[in-house]
PDB file of N, CA and C in Angstrom:
ATOM      1  N   MET A   1      42.180   5.572  13.215  1.00  0.00           N
ATOM      2  CA  MET A   1      40.799   5.040  13.489  1.00  0.00           C
ATOM      3  C   MET A   1      39.990   5.798  12.275  1.00  0.00           C
ATOM      4  N   GLY A   2      40.363   6.974  11.884  1.00  0.00           N
ATOM      5  CA  GLY A   2      39.518   7.671  11.025  1.00  0.00           C
ATOM      6  C   GLY A   2      39.531   7.208   9.484  1.00  0.00           C
ATOM      7  N   ASN A   3      40.418   6.241   9.267  1.00  0.00           N
ATOM      8  CA  ASN A   3      40.333   5.693   7.923  1.00  0.00           C
ATOM      9  C   ASN A   3      39.694   4.149   7.783  1.00  0.00           C
ATOM     10  N   VAL A   4      39.118   3.865   8.827  1.00  0.00           N
ATOM     11  CA  VAL A   4      38.376   2.565   8.808  1.00  0.00           C
ATOM     12  C   VAL A   4      37.134   2.614   7.927  1.00  0.00           C
ATOM     13  N   PRO A   5      36.197   3.770   7.952  1.00  0.00           N
ATOM     14  CA  PRO A   5      35.156   3.670   6.894  1.00  0.00           C
ATOM     15  C   PRO A   5      35.621   3.613   5.432  1.00  0.00           C
ATOM     16  N   LEU A   6      36.746   4.228   5.219  1.00  0.00           N
ATOM     17  CA  LEU A   6      37.269   4.488   3.858  1.00  0.00           C
ATOM     18  C   LEU A   6      37.711   2.861   3.518  1.00  0.00           C
ATOM     19  N   LEU A   7      38.469   2.227   4.314  1.00  0.00           N
ATOM     20  CA  LEU A   7      39.007   0.986   4.086  1.00  0.00           C
ATOM     21  C   LEU A   7      38.028  -0.101   3.971  1.00  0.00           C
ATOM     22  N   LEU A   8      36.806   0.013   4.809  1.00  0.00           N
ATOM     23  CA  LEU A   8      35.748  -0.794   4.771  1.00  0.00           C
ATOM     24  C   LEU A   8      35.115  -0.625   3.233  1.00  0.00           C
ATOM     25  N   PHE A   9      34.906   0.497   2.896  1.00  0.00           N
ATOM     26  CA  PHE A   9      34.432   0.805   1.525  1.00  0.00           C
ATOM     27  C   PHE A   9      35.154   0.255   0.517  1.00  0.00           C
ATOM     28  N   LEU A  10      36.561   0.285   0.480  1.00  0.00           N
ATOM     29  CA  LEU A  10      37.304  -0.350  -0.342  1.00  0.00           C
ATOM     30  C   LEU A  10      37.463  -1.720  -0.397  1.00  0.00           C
ATOM     31  N   VAL A  11      37.120  -2.427   0.813  1.00  0.00           N
ATOM     32  CA  VAL A  11      37.175  -3.785   0.915  1.00  0.00           C
ATOM     33  C   VAL A  11      35.759  -4.265   0.214  1.00  0.00           C
ATOM     34  N   LEU A  12      34.591  -3.533   0.422  1.00  0.00           N
ATOM     35  CA  LEU A  12      33.351  -4.040   0.006  1.00  0.00           C
ATOM     36  C   LEU A  12      33.177  -3.793  -1.582  1.00  0.00           C
ATOM     37  N   PHE A  13      33.758  -2.868  -1.981  1.00  0.00           N
ATOM     38  CA  PHE A  13      33.705  -2.587  -3.338  1.00  0.00           C
ATOM     39  C   PHE A  13      34.854  -2.671  -4.175  1.00  0.00           C
ATOM     40  N   SER A  14      34.776  -2.832  -5.577  1.00  0.00           N
ATOM     41  CA  SER A  14      35.828  -3.094  -6.398  1.00  0.00           C
ATOM     42  C   SER A  14      35.591  -2.306  -7.745  1.00  0.00           C
ATOM     43  N   LEU A  15      36.519  -1.775  -8.307  1.00  0.00           N
ATOM     44  CA  LEU A  15      36.298  -1.001  -9.535  1.00  0.00           C
ATOM     45  C   LEU A  15      36.263  -2.106 -10.778  1.00  0.00           C
ATOM     46  N   SER A  16      35.101  -2.023 -11.353  1.00  0.00           N
ATOM     47  CA  SER A  16      34.986  -2.875 -12.491  1.00  0.00           C
ATOM     48  C   SER A  16      35.822  -2.235 -13.779  1.00  0.00           C
ATOM     49  N   PRO A  17      36.035  -3.300 -14.750  1.00  0.00           N
ATOM     50  CA  PRO A  17      36.784  -2.775 -15.902  1.00  0.00           C
ATOM     51  C   PRO A  17      36.344  -1.531 -16.655  1.00  0.00           C
ATOM     52  N   GLY A  18      34.904  -1.392 -16.558  1.00  0.00           N
ATOM     53  CA  GLY A  18      34.336  -0.191 -17.254  1.00  0.00           C
ATOM     54  C   GLY A  18      34.377   1.194 -16.479  1.00  0.00           C
ATOM     55  N   GLY A  19      35.062   0.903 -15.210  1.00  0.00           N
ATOM     56  CA  GLY A  19      35.042   2.204 -14.398  1.00  0.00           C
ATOM     57  C   GLY A  19      33.995   2.330 -13.325  1.00  0.00           C
ATOM     58  N   ASN A  20      32.912   1.464 -13.317  1.00  0.00           N
ATOM     59  CA  ASN A  20      31.838   1.454 -12.570  1.00  0.00           C
ATOM     60  C   ASN A  20      31.997   0.732 -11.208  1.00  0.00           C
ATOM     61  N   LEU A  21      31.598   1.160 -10.064  1.00  0.00           N
ATOM     62  CA  LEU A  21      31.664   0.677  -8.804  1.00  0.00           C
ATOM     63  C   LEU A  21      30.588  -0.584  -8.756  1.00  0.00           C
ATOM     64  N   VAL A  22      31.206  -1.712  -8.415  1.00  0.00           N
ATOM     65  CA  VAL A  22      30.271  -2.876  -8.216  1.00  0.00           C
ATOM     66  C   VAL A  22      30.517  -3.485  -6.857  1.00  0.00           C
ATOM     67  N   MET A  23      29.642  -4.155  -6.375  1.00  0.00           N
ATOM     68  CA  MET A  23      29.575  -4.908  -5.124  1.00  0.00           C
ATOM     69  C   MET A  23      30.435  -6.097  -5.267  1.00  0.00           C
ATOM     70  N   GLY A  24      31.430  -6.232  -4.372  1.00  0.00           N
ATOM     71  CA  GLY A  24      32.284  -7.273  -4.683  1.00  0.00           C
ATOM     72  C   GLY A  24      31.812  -8.522  -4.326  1.00  0.00           C
ATOM     73  N   ASN A  25      30.812  -8.882  -3.580  1.00  0.00           N
ATOM     74  CA  ASN A  25      30.088 -10.102  -3.287  1.00  0.00           C
ATOM     75  C   ASN A  25      28.623 -10.065  -3.621  1.00  0.00           C
ATOM     76  N   GLU A  26      28.251  -9.631  -4.747  1.00  0.00           N
ATOM     77  CA  GLU A  26      26.781  -9.587  -4.957  1.00  0.00           C
ATOM     78  C   GLU A  26      26.136 -10.954  -5.076  1.00  0.00           C
ATOM     79  N   GLN A  27      24.991 -11.123  -4.412  1.00  0.00           N
ATOM     80  CA  GLN A  27      24.505 -12.408  -4.442  1.00  0.00           C
ATOM     81  C   GLN A  27      23.325 -12.190  -5.512  1.00  0.00           C
ATOM     82  N   LYS A  28      23.097 -13.303  -6.299  1.00  0.00           N
ATOM     83  CA  LYS A  28      22.131 -13.467  -7.311  1.00  0.00           C
ATOM     84  C   LYS A  28      20.614 -13.531  -6.676  1.00  0.00           C
ATOM     85  N   SER A  29      19.608 -12.963  -7.169  1.00  0.00           N
ATOM     86  CA  SER A  29      18.274 -13.109  -6.629  1.00  0.00           C
ATOM     87  C   SER A  29      17.281 -13.159  -7.538  1.00  0.00           C
ATOM     88  N   TRP A  30      16.070 -13.685  -7.382  1.00  0.00           N
ATOM     89  CA  TRP A  30      14.979 -13.740  -8.260  1.00  0.00           C
ATOM     90  C   TRP A  30      13.637 -13.383  -7.596  1.00  0.00           C
ATOM     91  N   CYS A  31      12.682 -13.033  -8.425  1.00  0.00           N
ATOM     92  CA  CYS A  31      11.315 -12.736  -7.958  1.00  0.00           C
ATOM     93  C   CYS A  31      10.438 -13.796  -8.305  1.00  0.00           C
ATOM     94  N   VAL A  32       9.615 -14.225  -7.410  1.00  0.00           N
ATOM     95  CA  VAL A  32       8.542 -15.079  -7.604  1.00  0.00           C
ATOM     96  C   VAL A  32       7.177 -14.866  -6.735  1.00  0.00           C
ATOM     97  N   ALA A  33       6.213 -15.285  -7.303  1.00  0.00           N
ATOM     98  CA  ALA A  33       4.814 -14.919  -6.743  1.00  0.00           C
ATOM     99  C   ALA A  33       4.674 -15.590  -5.443  1.00  0.00           C
ATOM    100  N   LYS A  34       4.060 -14.905  -4.428  1.00  0.00           N
ATOM    101  CA  LYS A  34       3.710 -15.470  -3.231  1.00  0.00           C
ATOM    102  C   LYS A  34       2.868 -16.583  -3.405  1.00  0.00           C
ATOM    103  N   PRO A  35       2.924 -17.833  -2.887  1.00  0.00           N
ATOM    104  CA  PRO A  35       2.073 -19.085  -3.097  1.00  0.00           C
ATOM    105  C   PRO A  35       0.584 -18.775  -2.626  1.00  0.00           C
ATOM    106  N   SER A  36       0.515 -17.673  -1.648  1.00  0.00           N
ATOM    107  CA  SER A  36      -0.858 -17.268  -1.069  1.00  0.00           C
ATOM    108  C   SER A  36      -1.519 -16.332  -2.069  1.00  0.00           C
ATOM    109  N   SER A  37      -1.002 -15.914  -3.111  1.00  0.00           N
ATOM    110  CA  SER A  37      -1.471 -14.940  -3.972  1.00  0.00           C
ATOM    111  C   SER A  37      -2.857 -15.476  -4.570  1.00  0.00           C
ATOM    112  N   ASP A  38      -3.964 -14.679  -4.835  1.00  0.00           N
ATOM    113  CA  ASP A  38      -5.062 -15.130  -5.356  1.00  0.00           C
ATOM    114  C   ASP A  38      -5.078 -15.032  -6.882  1.00  0.00           C
ATOM    115  N   GLN A  39      -5.739 -15.714  -7.631  1.00  0.00           N
ATOM    116  CA  GLN A  39      -5.882 -15.748  -9.118  1.00  0.00           C
ATOM    117  C   GLN A  39      -5.833 -14.454  -9.799  1.00  0.00           C
ATOM    118  N   ALA A  40      -6.619 -13.502  -9.286  1.00  0.00           N
ATOM    119  CA  ALA A  40      -6.904 -12.113  -9.818  1.00  0.00           C
ATOM    120  C   ALA A  40      -5.591 -11.435  -9.693  1.00  0.00           C
ATOM    121  N   THR A  41      -4.900 -11.503  -8.610  1.00  0.00           N
ATOM    122  CA  THR A  41      -3.658 -10.778  -8.328  1.00  0.00           C
ATOM    123  C   THR A  41      -2.574 -11.381  -9.249  1.00  0.00           C
ATOM    124  N   LEU A  42      -2.432 -12.686  -9.299  1.00  0.00           N
ATOM    125  CA  LEU A  42      -1.567 -13.312 -10.322  1.00  0.00           C
ATOM    126  C   LEU A  42      -1.707 -12.900 -11.708  1.00  0.00           C
ATOM    127  N   LEU A  43      -2.978 -12.855 -12.243  1.00  0.00           N
ATOM    128  CA  LEU A  43      -3.214 -12.338 -13.602  1.00  0.00           C
ATOM    129  C   LEU A  43      -2.874 -10.936 -13.830  1.00  0.00           C
ATOM    130  N   SER A  44      -3.221 -10.058 -12.846  1.00  0.00           N
ATOM    131  CA  SER A  44      -2.832  -8.708 -12.791  1.00  0.00           C
ATOM    132  C   SER A  44      -1.170  -8.584 -12.892  1.00  0.00           C
ATOM    133  N   ASN A  45      -0.593  -9.364 -12.224  1.00  0.00           N
ATOM    134  CA  ASN A  45       0.929  -9.340 -12.144  1.00  0.00           C
ATOM    135  C   ASN A  45       1.445  -9.762 -13.603  1.00  0.00           C
ATOM    136  N   LEU A  46       0.933 -10.847 -14.024  1.00  0.00           N
ATOM    137  CA  LEU A  46       1.266 -11.235 -15.394  1.00  0.00           C
ATOM    138  C   LEU A  46       1.128 -10.291 -16.373  1.00  0.00           C
ATOM    139  N   ASN A  47       0.010  -9.765 -16.436  1.00  0.00           N
ATOM    140  CA  ASN A  47      -0.371  -8.810 -17.586  1.00  0.00           C
ATOM    141  C   ASN A  47       0.397  -7.525 -17.330  1.00  0.00           C
ATOM    142  N   TYR A  48       0.763  -7.075 -16.048  1.00  0.00           N
ATOM    143  CA  TYR A  48       1.516  -5.774 -15.962  1.00  0.00           C
ATOM    144  C   TYR A  48       2.945  -6.052 -16.374  1.00  0.00           C
ATOM    145  N   ALA A  49       3.387  -7.214 -15.878  1.00  0.00           N
ATOM    146  CA  ALA A  49       5.069  -7.524 -16.199  1.00  0.00           C
ATOM    147  C   ALA A  49       5.185  -7.657 -17.651  1.00  0.00           C
ATOM    148  N   CYS A  50       4.213  -8.445 -18.395  1.00  0.00           N
ATOM    149  CA  CYS A  50       4.346  -8.759 -19.674  1.00  0.00           C
ATOM    150  C   CYS A  50       4.193  -7.317 -20.655  1.00  0.00           C
ATOM    151  N   SER A  51       3.435  -6.467 -19.969  1.00  0.00           N
ATOM    152  CA  SER A  51       3.360  -5.121 -20.680  1.00  0.00           C
ATOM    153  C   SER A  51       4.651  -4.437 -20.647  1.00  0.00           C
ATOM    154  N   GLN A  52       5.670  -4.673 -19.860  1.00  0.00           N
ATOM    155  CA  GLN A  52       6.710  -3.844 -19.694  1.00  0.00           C
ATOM    156  C   GLN A  52       8.051  -4.576 -20.092  1.00  0.00           C
ATOM    157  N   VAL A  53       8.143  -6.007 -20.216  1.00  0.00           N
ATOM    158  CA  VAL A  53       9.114  -6.874 -20.661  1.00  0.00           C
ATOM    159  C   VAL A  53       8.586  -8.033 -21.851  1.00  0.00           C
ATOM    160  N   ASP A  54       9.491  -8.679 -22.368  1.00  0.00           N
ATOM    161  CA  ASP A  54       9.337  -9.546 -23.414  1.00  0.00           C
ATOM    162  C   ASP A  54       8.897 -10.946 -22.695  1.00  0.00           C
ATOM    163  N   CYS A  55       7.807 -11.427 -22.781  1.00  0.00           N
ATOM    164  CA  CYS A  55       7.411 -12.640 -22.116  1.00  0.00           C
ATOM    165  C   CYS A  55       7.247 -13.770 -23.034  1.00  0.00           C
ATOM    166  N   ARG A  56       7.874 -13.798 -24.324  1.00  0.00           N
ATOM    167  CA  ARG A  56       7.866 -14.695 -25.134  1.00  0.00           C
ATOM    168  C   ARG A  56       8.204 -16.197 -24.432  1.00  0.00           C
ATOM    169  N   ILE A  57       8.937 -16.099 -23.681  1.00  0.00           N
ATOM    170  CA  ILE A  57       9.462 -17.474 -23.090  1.00  0.00           C
ATOM    171  C   ILE A  57       8.250 -18.146 -22.492  1.00  0.00           C
ATOM    172  N   LEU A  58       7.099 -17.474 -22.306  1.00  0.00           N
ATOM    173  CA  LEU A  58       5.927 -18.257 -21.782  1.00  0.00           C
ATOM    174  C   LEU A  58       5.041 -18.775 -22.865  1.00  0.00           C
ATOM    175  N   GLN A  59       5.335 -18.629 -24.140  1.00  0.00           N
ATOM    176  CA  GLN A  59       4.571 -19.019 -25.197  1.00  0.00           C
ATOM    177  C   GLN A  59       4.611 -20.600 -25.331  1.00  0.00           C
ATOM    178  N   LYS A  60       3.649 -21.225 -25.805  1.00  0.00           N
ATOM    179  CA  LYS A  60       3.631 -22.737 -25.895  1.00  0.00           C
ATOM    180  C   LYS A  60       4.754 -23.115 -26.594  1.00  0.00           C
ATOM    181  N   GLY A  61       5.312 -24.225 -26.257  1.00  0.00           N
ATOM    182  CA  GLY A  61       6.389 -24.596 -27.126  1.00  0.00           C
ATOM    183  C   GLY A  61       7.936 -24.206 -26.317  1.00  0.00           C
ATOM    184  N   CYS A  62       7.674 -23.180 -25.615  1.00  0.00           N
ATOM    185  CA  CYS A  62       8.923 -22.611 -25.086  1.00  0.00           C
ATOM    186  C   CYS A  62       9.186 -23.398 -23.801  1.00  0.00           C
ATOM    187  N   PRO A  63      10.480 -23.178 -23.316  1.00  0.00           N
ATOM    188  CA  PRO A  63      10.792 -24.058 -22.079  1.00  0.00           C
ATOM    189  C   PRO A  63      10.020 -23.710 -20.836  1.00  0.00           C
ATOM    190  N   CYS A  64       9.577 -22.452 -20.710  1.00  0.00           N
ATOM    191  CA  CYS A  64       8.790 -21.965 -19.474  1.00  0.00           C
ATOM    192  C   CYS A  64       7.334 -22.069 -19.678  1.00  0.00           C
ATOM    193  N   SER A  65       6.851 -22.549 -20.671  1.00  0.00           N
ATOM    194  CA  SER A  65       5.347 -22.584 -20.863  1.00  0.00           C
ATOM    195  C   SER A  65       4.738 -23.697 -19.869  1.00  0.00           C
ATOM    196  N   TYR A  66       5.676 -24.733 -19.654  1.00  0.00           N
ATOM    197  CA  TYR A  66       4.912 -25.753 -18.785  1.00  0.00           C
ATOM    198  C   TYR A  66       5.584 -25.646 -17.439  1.00  0.00           C
ATOM    199  N   PRO A  67       4.883 -25.949 -16.273  1.00  0.00           N
ATOM    200  CA  PRO A  67       3.481 -26.102 -16.229  1.00  0.00           C
ATOM    201  C   PRO A  67       2.634 -24.842 -16.582  1.00  0.00           C
ATOM    202  N   ASP A  68       1.565 -25.045 -17.385  1.00  0.00           N
ATOM    203  CA  ASP A  68       0.689 -23.945 -17.867  1.00  0.00           C
ATOM    204  C   ASP A  68      -0.305 -23.759 -16.783  1.00  0.00           C
ATOM    205  N   ASN A  69       0.201 -22.865 -15.744  1.00  0.00           N
ATOM    206  CA  ASN A  69      -0.669 -22.318 -14.740  1.00  0.00           C
ATOM    207  C   ASN A  69      -0.276 -20.946 -14.428  1.00  0.00           C
ATOM    208  N   LEU A  70      -1.202 -20.304 -13.755  1.00  0.00           N
ATOM    209  CA  LEU A  70      -1.007 -18.839 -13.510  1.00  0.00           C
ATOM    210  C   LEU A  70       0.046 -18.691 -12.441  1.00  0.00           C
ATOM    211  N   MET A  71       0.299 -19.420 -11.339  1.00  0.00           N
ATOM    212  CA  MET A  71       1.258 -19.266 -10.459  1.00  0.00           C
ATOM    213  C   MET A  71       2.716 -19.310 -11.155  1.00  0.00           C
ATOM    214  N   ASN A  72       2.904 -20.364 -12.041  1.00  0.00           N
ATOM    215  CA  ASN A  72       4.133 -20.376 -12.632  1.00  0.00           C
ATOM    216  C   ASN A  72       4.385 -19.322 -13.812  1.00  0.00           C
ATOM    217  N   HIS A  73       3.504 -19.006 -14.491  1.00  0.00           N
ATOM    218  CA  HIS A  73       3.511 -17.896 -15.352  1.00  0.00           C
ATOM    219  C   HIS A  73       3.791 -16.547 -14.811  1.00  0.00           C
ATOM    220  N   ALA A  74       3.038 -16.267 -13.830  1.00  0.00           N
ATOM    221  CA  ALA A  74       3.103 -15.009 -13.136  1.00  0.00           C
ATOM    222  C   ALA A  74       4.553 -14.891 -12.438  1.00  0.00           C
ATOM    223  N   SER A  75       5.037 -15.939 -11.912  1.00  0.00           N
ATOM    224  CA  SER A  75       6.346 -15.891 -11.369  1.00  0.00           C
ATOM    225  C   SER A  75       7.377 -15.618 -12.242  1.00  0.00           C
ATOM    226  N   ILE A  76       7.257 -16.131 -13.386  1.00  0.00           N
ATOM    227  CA  ILE A  76       8.395 -15.974 -14.611  1.00  0.00           C
ATOM    228  C   ILE A  76       8.253 -14.435 -15.038  1.00  0.00           C
ATOM    229  N   ALA A  77       7.045 -14.219 -15.352  1.00  0.00           N
ATOM    230  CA  ALA A  77       6.884 -12.741 -15.673  1.00  0.00           C
ATOM    231  C   ALA A  77       7.367 -11.617 -14.685  1.00  0.00           C
ATOM    232  N   MET A  78       7.086 -11.922 -13.437  1.00  0.00           N
ATOM    233  CA  MET A  78       7.549 -10.970 -12.323  1.00  0.00           C
ATOM    234  C   MET A  78       8.972 -10.993 -12.229  1.00  0.00           C
ATOM    235  N   ASN A  79       9.565 -12.230 -12.455  1.00  0.00           N
ATOM    236  CA  ASN A  79      11.071 -12.318 -12.342  1.00  0.00           C
ATOM    237  C   ASN A  79      11.673 -11.507 -13.550  1.00  0.00           C
ATOM    238  N   LEU A  80      11.111 -11.564 -14.818  1.00  0.00           N
ATOM    239  CA  LEU A  80      11.630 -10.835 -15.892  1.00  0.00           C
ATOM    240  C   LEU A  80      11.659  -9.515 -15.666  1.00  0.00           C
ATOM    241  N   TYR A  81      10.507  -8.995 -15.093  1.00  0.00           N
ATOM    242  CA  TYR A  81      10.446  -7.664 -14.876  1.00  0.00           C
ATOM    243  C   TYR A  81      11.456  -7.241 -13.706  1.00  0.00           C
ATOM    244  N   TYR A  82      11.460  -7.909 -12.678  1.00  0.00           N
ATOM    245  CA  TYR A  82      12.647  -7.708 -11.526  1.00  0.00           C
ATOM    246  C   TYR A  82      13.994  -7.650 -12.142  1.00  0.00           C
ATOM    247  N   GLN A  83      14.272  -8.614 -12.969  1.00  0.00           N
ATOM    248  CA  GLN A  83      15.702  -8.710 -13.308  1.00  0.00           C
ATOM    249  C   GLN A  83      15.862  -7.358 -14.297  1.00  0.00           C
ATOM    250  N   SER A  84      14.916  -7.076 -15.125  1.00  0.00           N
ATOM    251  CA  SER A  84      15.080  -5.910 -16.194  1.00  0.00           C
ATOM    252  C   SER A  84      15.186  -4.548 -15.346  1.00  0.00           C
ATOM    253  N   LYS A  85      14.638  -4.585 -14.244  1.00  0.00           N
ATOM    254  CA  LYS A  85      14.796  -3.337 -13.528  1.00  0.00           C
ATOM    255  C   LYS A  85      15.873  -3.090 -12.588  1.00  0.00           C
ATOM    256  N   GLY A  86      16.748  -4.091 -12.496  1.00  0.00           N
ATOM    257  CA  GLY A  86      17.975  -3.937 -11.783  1.00  0.00           C
ATOM    258  C   GLY A  86      17.932  -4.766 -10.398  1.00  0.00           C
ATOM    259  N   ARG A  87      16.922  -5.608 -10.186  1.00  0.00           N
ATOM    260  CA  ARG A  87      16.878  -6.433  -8.985  1.00  0.00           C
ATOM    261  C   ARG A  87      16.749  -5.676  -7.723  1.00  0.00           C
ATOM    262  N   ASN A  88      16.006  -4.675  -7.735  1.00  0.00           N
ATOM    263  CA  ASN A  88      15.660  -3.821  -6.522  1.00  0.00           C
ATOM    264  C   ASN A  88      14.522  -4.513  -5.776  1.00  0.00           C
ATOM    265  N   HIS A  89      14.535  -4.601  -4.600  1.00  0.00           N
ATOM    266  CA  HIS A  89      13.458  -5.309  -3.747  1.00  0.00           C
ATOM    267  C   HIS A  89      12.084  -4.695  -4.125  1.00  0.00           C
ATOM    268  N   TRP A  90      12.035  -3.396  -4.452  1.00  0.00           N
ATOM    269  CA  TRP A  90      10.779  -2.778  -4.736  1.00  0.00           C
ATOM    270  C   TRP A  90      10.256  -2.951  -6.074  1.00  0.00           C
ATOM    271  N   ASN A  91      11.058  -3.602  -7.027  1.00  0.00           N
ATOM    272  CA  ASN A  91      10.697  -4.192  -8.218  1.00  0.00           C
ATOM    273  C   ASN A  91      10.132  -5.528  -8.121  1.00  0.00           C
ATOM    274  N   CYS A  92       9.982  -6.017  -6.857  1.00  0.00           N
ATOM    275  CA  CYS A  92       9.415  -7.469  -6.747  1.00  0.00           C
ATOM    276  C   CYS A  92       8.252  -7.228  -5.687  1.00  0.00           C
ATOM    277  N   ASP A  93       7.718  -6.106  -5.445  1.00  0.00           N
ATOM    278  CA  ASP A  93       6.772  -5.970  -4.508  1.00  0.00           C
ATOM    279  C   ASP A  93       5.339  -6.476  -5.037  1.00  0.00           C
ATOM    280  N   PHE A  94       5.031  -6.046  -6.300  1.00  0.00           N
ATOM    281  CA  PHE A  94       3.834  -6.378  -6.836  1.00  0.00           C
ATOM    282  C   PHE A  94       2.696  -6.221  -5.769  1.00  0.00           C
ATOM    283  N   ARG A  95       2.658  -5.007  -5.301  1.00  0.00           N
ATOM    284  CA  ARG A  95       1.470  -4.882  -4.162  1.00  0.00           C
ATOM    285  C   ARG A  95       1.516  -5.940  -3.186  1.00  0.00           C
ATOM    286  N   GLY A  96       2.634  -6.240  -2.576  1.00  0.00           N
ATOM    287  CA  GLY A  96       2.828  -7.308  -1.605  1.00  0.00           C
ATOM    288  C   GLY A  96       2.646  -8.732  -2.134  1.00  0.00           C
ATOM    289  N   SER A  97       2.559  -8.963  -3.300  1.00  0.00           N
ATOM    290  CA  SER A  97       2.425 -10.351  -3.854  1.00  0.00           C
ATOM    291  C   SER A  97       3.621 -11.069  -4.369  1.00  0.00           C
ATOM    292  N   GLY A  98       4.806 -10.434  -4.303  1.00  0.00           N
ATOM    293  CA  GLY A  98       5.997 -10.962  -4.709  1.00  0.00           C
ATOM    294  C   GLY A  98       7.085 -11.261  -3.582  1.00  0.00           C
ATOM    295  N   LEU A  99       7.885 -12.175  -3.810  1.00  0.00           N
ATOM    296  CA  LEU A  99       8.913 -12.516  -2.871  1.00  0.00           C
ATOM    297  C   LEU A  99      10.245 -12.567  -3.510  1.00  0.00           C
ATOM    298  N   VAL A 100      11.265 -12.018  -3.025  1.00  0.00           N
ATOM    299  CA  VAL A 100      12.733 -12.131  -3.417  1.00  0.00           C
ATOM    300  C   VAL A 100      13.344 -13.417  -2.898  1.00  0.00           C
ATOM    301  N   SER A 101      13.708 -14.234  -3.857  1.00  0.00           N
ATOM    302  CA  SER A 101      14.483 -15.544  -3.509  1.00  0.00           C
ATOM    303  C   SER A 101      15.743 -15.434  -4.004  1.00  0.00           C
ATOM    304  N   VAL A 102      16.609 -16.078  -2.840  1.00  0.00           N
ATOM    305  CA  VAL A 102      18.179 -16.220  -3.125  1.00  0.00           C
ATOM    306  C   VAL A 102      18.249 -17.711  -3.731  1.00  0.00           C
ATOM    307  N   THR A 103      17.168 -18.574  -3.774  1.00  0.00           N
ATOM    308  CA  THR A 103      17.289 -19.789  -4.391  1.00  0.00           C
ATOM    309  C   THR A 103      16.834 -19.857  -5.741  1.00  0.00           C
ATOM    310  N   ASP A 104      17.495 -20.326  -6.542  1.00  0.00           N
ATOM    311  CA  ASP A 104      17.258 -20.363  -8.021  1.00  0.00           C
ATOM    312  C   ASP A 104      15.931 -21.186  -8.333  1.00  0.00           C
ATOM    313  N   PRO A 105      14.808 -20.411  -8.741  1.00  0.00           N
ATOM    314  CA  PRO A 105      13.789 -21.194  -8.994  1.00  0.00           C
ATOM    315  C   PRO A 105      13.615 -21.911 -10.468  1.00  0.00           C
ATOM    316  N   SER A 106      14.686 -22.032 -11.129  1.00  0.00           N
ATOM    317  CA  SER A 106      14.918 -22.629 -12.389  1.00  0.00           C
ATOM    318  C   SER A 106      14.316 -24.127 -12.335  1.00  0.00           C
ATOM    319  N   TYR A 107      13.916 -24.722 -13.255  1.00  0.00           N
ATOM    320  CA  TYR A 107      13.478 -25.936 -13.400  1.00  0.00           C
ATOM    321  C   TYR A 107      13.648 -26.553 -14.795  1.00  0.00           C
ATOM    322  N   GLY A 108      13.963 -27.730 -14.966  1.00  0.00           N
ATOM    323  CA  GLY A 108      14.193 -28.308 -16.315  1.00  0.00           C
ATOM    324  C   GLY A 108      14.893 -27.425 -17.228  1.00  0.00           C
ATOM    325  N   ASN A 109      14.399 -27.185 -18.285  1.00  0.00           N
ATOM    326  CA  ASN A 109      14.937 -26.336 -19.418  1.00  0.00           C
ATOM    327  C   ASN A 109      14.483 -24.846 -19.105  1.00  0.00           C
ATOM    328  N   CYS A 110      13.690 -24.619 -18.127  1.00  0.00           N
ATOM    329  CA  CYS A 110      13.288 -23.157 -17.912  1.00  0.00           C
ATOM    330  C   CYS A 110      14.287 -22.631 -16.879  1.00  0.00           C
ATOM    331  N   ILE A 111      15.043 -21.745 -17.452  1.00  0.00           N
ATOM    332  CA  ILE A 111      16.122 -20.951 -16.692  1.00  0.00           C
ATOM    333  C   ILE A 111      15.566 -19.517 -16.400  1.00  0.00           C
ATOM    334  N   TYR A 112      15.527 -19.318 -15.079  1.00  0.00           N
ATOM    335  CA  TYR A 112      15.228 -18.067 -14.648  1.00  0.00           C
ATOM    336  C   TYR A 112      16.323 -17.020 -14.904  1.00  0.00           C
ATOM    337  N   ALA A 113      16.320 -16.004 -15.696  1.00  0.00           N
ATOM    338  CA  ALA A 113      17.517 -15.150 -15.760  1.00  0.00           C
ATOM    339  C   ALA A 113      17.986 -14.487 -14.557  1.00  0.00           C
TER     340      ALA A 113
END
């Protein structure tokens, strides 16, 4: 009975080729803005996230520039930030205005990383 925790640990984790422990069944997730967020919050999130990560994907003519609205752009920027910081739930908080989604929010040619 004393080996059960060790066995469980070995079942849940596997050793990656680089020697790092990785979760064996890690689920992909994304960060999006809460639909109830106000415009000022969305703008603040967009500006903050884009000050930390490359948001060129939002420029006119790029796949994620349309639809050209604050909810869409803030969600994409927040997700870029969330992904770059390791997909920790706290990296999607944005003062309570972010949601972690397990459903891929990508659309058309706009692929959420």
